[in-house]
Amino acid sequence: MSSLNKGTIKYALISGLCFAFGMAAFDYLGRVDFNLLKFAFNLLLFGFFMGLIFRPSVRNQLKKRKQNSK
């Protein structure tokens, strides 16, 4: 697996976890019970879209670094 793929997956999981924990905290403060299905949905959906946004920008940065090093 390439470093671009590893970085994208890592970034998507970290950002998804942060978002899901934040939403769970808001539910906790609103006195709503913890819902594992909602937590997993927030993690996967938000993480997926953040990974989609992250990947092209990193790919462009890697291309620029390769061009500058030549």
C-alpha atoms as a PDB file:
ATOM      1  CA  MET A   1       0.000   0.000   0.000  1.00  0.00           C
ATOM      2  CA  SER A   2       1.404   3.386  -0.932  1.00  0.00           C
ATOM      3  CA  SER A   3       2.160   6.106   1.570  1.00  0.00           C
ATOM      4  CA  LEU A   4      -0.557   8.268   0.008  1.00  0.00           C
ATOM      5  CA  ASN A   5      -3.175   5.594   0.741  1.00  0.00           C
ATOM      6  CA  LYS A   6      -1.899   5.048   4.282  1.00  0.00           C
ATOM      7  CA  GLY A   7      -1.930   8.768   4.975  1.00  0.00           C
ATOM      8  CA  THR A   8      -5.426   9.193   3.583  1.00  0.00           C
ATOM      9  CA  ILE A   9      -6.826   6.335   5.656  1.00  0.00           C
ATOM     10  CA  LYS A  10      -5.072   7.560   8.799  1.00  0.00           C
ATOM     11  CA  TYR A  11      -6.317  11.123   8.292  1.00  0.00           C
ATOM     12  CA  ALA A  12      -9.880   9.924   7.599  1.00  0.00           C
ATOM     13  CA  LEU A  13      -9.973   7.788  10.744  1.00  0.00           C
ATOM     14  CA  ILE A  14      -8.514  10.471  12.995  1.00  0.00           C
ATOM     15  CA  SER A  15     -10.835  13.188  11.737  1.00  0.00           C
ATOM     16  CA  GLY A  16     -13.821  10.817  11.852  1.00  0.00           C
ATOM     17  CA  LEU A  17     -13.021   9.840  15.438  1.00  0.00           C
ATOM     18  CA  CYS A  18     -12.690  13.467  16.522  1.00  0.00           C
ATOM     19  CA  PHE A  19     -16.014  14.351  14.933  1.00  0.00           C
ATOM     20  CA  ALA A  20     -17.788  11.299  16.361  1.00  0.00           C
ATOM     21  CA  PHE A  21     -16.447  11.969  19.862  1.00  0.00           C
ATOM     22  CA  GLY A  22     -17.541  15.590  19.567  1.00  0.00           C
ATOM     23  CA  MET A  23     -21.045  14.615  18.535  1.00  0.00           C
ATOM     24  CA  ALA A  24     -21.204  12.040  21.344  1.00  0.00           C
ATOM     25  CA  ALA A  25     -20.161  14.758  23.799  1.00  0.00           C
ATOM     26  CA  PHE A  26     -22.979  17.014  22.587  1.00  0.00           C
ATOM     27  CA  ASP A  27     -25.431  14.142  23.042  1.00  0.00           C
ATOM     28  CA  TYR A  28     -24.063  13.509  26.540  1.00  0.00           C
ATOM     29  CA  LEU A  29     -24.463  17.176  27.478  1.00  0.00           C
ATOM     30  CA  GLY A  30     -28.008  17.092  26.108  1.00  0.00           C
ATOM     31  CA  ARG A  31     -28.737  14.064  28.305  1.00  0.00           C
ATOM     32  CA  VAL A  32     -29.212  11.715  25.345  1.00  0.00           C
ATOM     33  CA  ASP A  33     -28.076   8.104  25.701  1.00  0.00           C
ATOM     34  CA  PHE A  34     -24.978   6.970  23.824  1.00  0.00           C
ATOM     35  CA  ASN A  35     -25.894   5.336  20.533  1.00  0.00           C
ATOM     36  CA  LEU A  36     -23.144   3.159  19.060  1.00  0.00           C
ATOM     37  CA  LEU A  37     -24.794   3.049  15.631  1.00  0.00           C
ATOM     38  CA  LYS A  38     -24.930   6.854  15.467  1.00  0.00           C
ATOM     39  CA  PHE A  39     -21.293   7.043  16.628  1.00  0.00           C
ATOM     40  CA  ALA A  40     -20.154   4.591  13.930  1.00  0.00           C
ATOM     41  CA  PHE A  41     -22.206   6.394  11.269  1.00  0.00           C
ATOM     42  CA  ASN A  42     -20.657   9.762  12.205  1.00  0.00           C
ATOM     43  CA  LEU A  43     -17.172   8.266  12.221  1.00  0.00           C
ATOM     44  CA  LEU A  44     -17.467   6.557   8.844  1.00  0.00           C
ATOM     45  CA  LEU A  45     -19.395   9.225   6.975  1.00  0.00           C
ATOM     46  CA  PHE A  46     -17.383  12.204   8.157  1.00  0.00           C
ATOM     47  CA  GLY A  47     -14.123  10.289   7.854  1.00  0.00           C
ATOM     48  CA  PHE A  48     -14.955   9.234   4.298  1.00  0.00           C
ATOM     49  CA  PHE A  49     -15.635  12.769   3.141  1.00  0.00           C
ATOM     50  CA  MET A  50     -12.575  14.175   4.902  1.00  0.00           C
ATOM     51  CA  GLY A  51     -10.476  11.505   3.195  1.00  0.00           C
ATOM     52  CA  LEU A  52     -11.925  12.548  -0.170  1.00  0.00           C
ATOM     53  CA  ILE A  53     -10.995  16.158   0.505  1.00  0.00           C
ATOM     54  CA  PHE A  54      -7.545  15.335   1.901  1.00  0.00           C
ATOM     55  CA  ARG A  55      -6.311  13.051  -0.901  1.00  0.00           C
ATOM     56  CA  PRO A  56      -6.136  15.474  -3.869  1.00  0.00           C
ATOM     57  CA  SER A  57      -4.365  18.160  -1.870  1.00  0.00           C
ATOM     58  CA  VAL A  58      -1.687  15.733  -0.673  1.00  0.00           C
ATOM     59  CA  ARG A  59      -1.283  14.271  -4.165  1.00  0.00           C
ATOM     60  CA  ASN A  60      -0.657  17.766  -5.549  1.00  0.00           C
ATOM     61  CA  GLN A  61       1.890  18.494  -2.812  1.00  0.00           C
ATOM     62  CA  LEU A  62       3.744  15.258  -3.589  1.00  0.00           C
ATOM     63  CA  LYS A  63       3.840  16.117  -7.305  1.00  0.00           C
ATOM     64  CA  LYS A  64       5.255  19.572  -6.541  1.00  0.00           C
ATOM     65  CA  ARG A  65       7.955  18.085  -4.306  1.00  0.00           C
ATOM     66  CA  LYS A  66       8.974  15.620  -7.012  1.00  0.00           C
ATOM     67  CA  GLN A  67       9.160  18.402  -9.625  1.00  0.00           C
ATOM     68  CA  ASN A  68      11.232  20.636  -7.334  1.00  0.00           C
ATOM     69  CA  SER A  69      13.676  17.856  -6.503  1.00  0.00           C
ATOM     70  CA  LYS A  70      14.505  17.219 -10.185  1.00  0.00           C
END
